[in-house]
Amino acid sequence: MRFFTDPGIGIDGRVFCMPAGRTAGEERVMGVRKTTRAFEKDKAAFFAKCRAEHAPCWICGQPIDYSVPKNTTDDSYSMDHFLPVSTHPDMQFDPAGFRPSHTPCNRARGNKDPYQPIGRLSRVWADESAM
């Protein structure tokens, strides 16, 4: 059984109640996310685009099974954000940050920043190392 504290007012003006023993700052840590109609529309458009292009998982590069319902099997589609929403909440609604992924790949990545390759070695370095 959960007990709630007195209602508070959020930064958006909405009234909310937090479980007893938690502070408003912990609300973000608990994973409470907001959504909008525009966000839902953008997610649906992104899914349709990925399905039409048979886009692979951006994490592992393997094909995604778009014929099964989202987030139901290991090969099913899960929308990921390039920058984790937990660390970059201001980027949650940006369609440029959407990425197609497998459900387990998305879960395994968690809230880690995306992999950043070191880059190509310079020609000078490659030539000197051959000597």
Protein backbone atom coordinates (compact mmCIF):
# COMPACT_ATOMS: atom_id res chain seq x y z
CA MET A 1 0.00 0.00 0.00
CA ARG A 2 1.35 3.43 -0.93
CA PHE A 3 0.74 6.54 1.07
CA PHE A 4 0.87 9.88 -0.64
CA THR A 5 2.01 13.23 0.64
CA ASP A 6 0.08 16.43 0.29
CA PRO A 7 -0.39 17.50 -3.32
CA GLY A 8 2.21 19.76 -4.86
CA ILE A 9 2.32 21.93 -7.94
CA GLY A 10 4.67 20.89 -10.74
CA ILE A 11 6.66 23.31 -12.87
CA ASP A 12 4.02 22.95 -15.59
CA GLY A 13 1.26 23.98 -13.16
CA ARG A 14 -0.23 20.49 -12.75
CA VAL A 15 -1.10 19.13 -9.33
CA PHE A 16 0.69 15.93 -8.39
CA CYS A 17 1.15 13.69 -5.37
CA MET A 18 4.41 11.93 -4.62
CA PRO A 19 4.60 8.61 -2.77
CA ALA A 20 5.42 9.18 0.89
CA GLY A 21 9.14 9.43 1.53
CA ARG A 22 10.01 10.72 -1.95
CA THR A 23 10.83 14.21 -3.07
CA ALA A 24 9.84 15.97 -6.26
CA GLY A 25 13.43 15.65 -7.51
CA GLU A 26 13.13 11.87 -7.37
CA GLU A 27 10.16 11.96 -9.74
CA ARG A 28 12.55 12.19 -12.72
CA VAL A 29 14.69 9.35 -11.38
CA MET A 30 11.60 7.14 -11.09
CA GLY A 31 11.12 7.44 -14.87
CA VAL A 32 8.00 9.57 -15.08
CA ARG A 33 7.79 10.85 -18.65
CA LYS A 34 5.30 13.10 -20.26
CA THR A 35 3.95 12.75 -23.77
CA THR A 36 2.10 14.92 -26.25
CA ARG A 37 -0.08 14.26 -29.26
CA ALA A 38 2.67 15.63 -31.50
CA PHE A 39 5.20 13.24 -29.91
CA GLU A 40 2.89 10.25 -30.46
CA LYS A 41 2.37 11.35 -34.07
CA ASP A 42 6.14 11.70 -34.61
CA LYS A 43 6.75 8.24 -33.10
CA ALA A 44 4.12 6.67 -35.38
CA ALA A 45 5.60 8.39 -38.46
CA PHE A 46 9.10 7.24 -37.49
CA PHE A 47 7.91 3.65 -37.04
CA ALA A 48 6.17 3.71 -40.45
CA LYS A 49 9.33 5.05 -42.09
CA CYS A 50 11.54 2.41 -40.43
CA ARG A 51 9.14 -0.38 -41.36
CA ALA A 52 8.98 0.80 -45.01
CA GLU A 53 12.80 0.98 -45.21
CA HIS A 54 13.36 -2.24 -43.20
CA ALA A 55 15.75 -0.24 -41.03
CA PRO A 56 18.12 -2.39 -38.94
CA CYS A 57 18.81 -1.98 -35.23
CA TRP A 58 21.11 1.01 -34.83
CA ILE A 59 22.89 -0.67 -31.90
CA CYS A 60 23.70 -4.16 -33.23
CA GLY A 61 23.05 -3.70 -36.97
CA GLN A 62 20.81 -6.78 -37.25
CA PRO A 63 17.38 -6.72 -38.96
CA ILE A 64 14.27 -5.89 -36.93
CA ASP A 65 11.06 -7.93 -37.24
CA TYR A 66 8.44 -5.25 -37.96
CA SER A 67 5.66 -7.85 -38.41
CA VAL A 68 5.30 -8.53 -34.67
CA PRO A 69 3.89 -6.04 -32.13
CA LYS A 70 6.38 -3.55 -30.67
CA ASN A 71 8.39 -4.60 -27.60
CA THR A 72 7.09 -8.19 -27.57
CA THR A 73 9.99 -10.37 -28.78
CA ASP A 74 13.77 -10.18 -28.91
CA ASP A 75 13.63 -9.18 -32.59
CA SER A 76 10.75 -6.71 -32.26
CA TYR A 77 10.96 -2.96 -32.74
CA SER A 78 11.63 -0.56 -29.90
CA MET A 79 12.15 3.15 -30.44
CA ASP A 80 15.36 4.33 -28.86
CA HIS A 81 16.64 7.85 -28.34
CA PHE A 82 20.16 8.69 -29.52
CA LEU A 83 20.74 10.58 -26.28
CA PRO A 84 19.10 8.90 -23.27
CA VAL A 85 15.98 10.70 -22.05
CA SER A 86 17.01 10.17 -18.43
CA THR A 87 20.15 12.27 -18.96
CA HIS A 88 18.84 14.58 -21.71
CA PRO A 89 15.11 15.11 -20.98
CA ASP A 90 15.03 18.18 -23.22
CA MET A 91 15.73 15.93 -26.25
CA GLN A 92 12.84 13.47 -25.66
CA PHE A 93 10.52 15.00 -28.25
CA ASP A 94 13.15 15.65 -30.96
CA PRO A 95 12.48 13.31 -33.94
CA ALA A 96 16.10 13.73 -35.05
CA GLY A 97 17.11 11.70 -31.99
CA PHE A 98 14.84 8.71 -32.68
CA ARG A 99 16.60 5.44 -33.56
CA PRO A 100 15.20 1.98 -34.42
CA SER A 101 16.40 -0.78 -32.11
CA HIS A 102 15.60 -4.24 -30.83
CA THR A 103 13.88 -4.34 -27.46
CA PRO A 104 16.78 -6.16 -25.69
CA CYS A 105 19.41 -3.92 -27.33
CA ASN A 106 17.56 -0.84 -26.09
CA ARG A 107 17.25 -2.28 -22.57
CA ALA A 108 20.89 -3.39 -22.46
CA ARG A 109 22.07 0.06 -23.50
CA GLY A 110 20.09 1.62 -20.68
CA ASN A 111 20.92 5.27 -20.16
CA LYS A 112 24.48 5.09 -21.46
CA ASP A 113 25.62 7.65 -23.99
CA PRO A 114 25.91 6.39 -27.57
CA TYR A 115 29.07 4.64 -28.67
CA GLN A 116 31.53 7.13 -30.15
CA PRO A 117 34.19 5.58 -32.37
CA ILE A 118 37.71 6.93 -32.08
CA GLY A 119 37.85 7.70 -35.79
CA ARG A 120 40.27 6.92 -38.55
CA LEU A 121 44.00 7.00 -37.98
CA SER A 122 45.82 9.74 -39.80
CA ARG A 123 47.86 8.79 -42.85
CA VAL A 124 51.04 10.04 -41.15
CA TRP A 125 50.49 7.73 -38.16
CA ALA A 126 49.75 4.76 -40.38
CA ASP A 127 52.82 5.42 -42.56
CA GLU A 128 55.16 5.90 -39.56
CA SER A 129 53.98 2.71 -37.86
CA ALA A 130 54.79 0.70 -40.99
CA MET A 131 58.44 1.77 -40.85
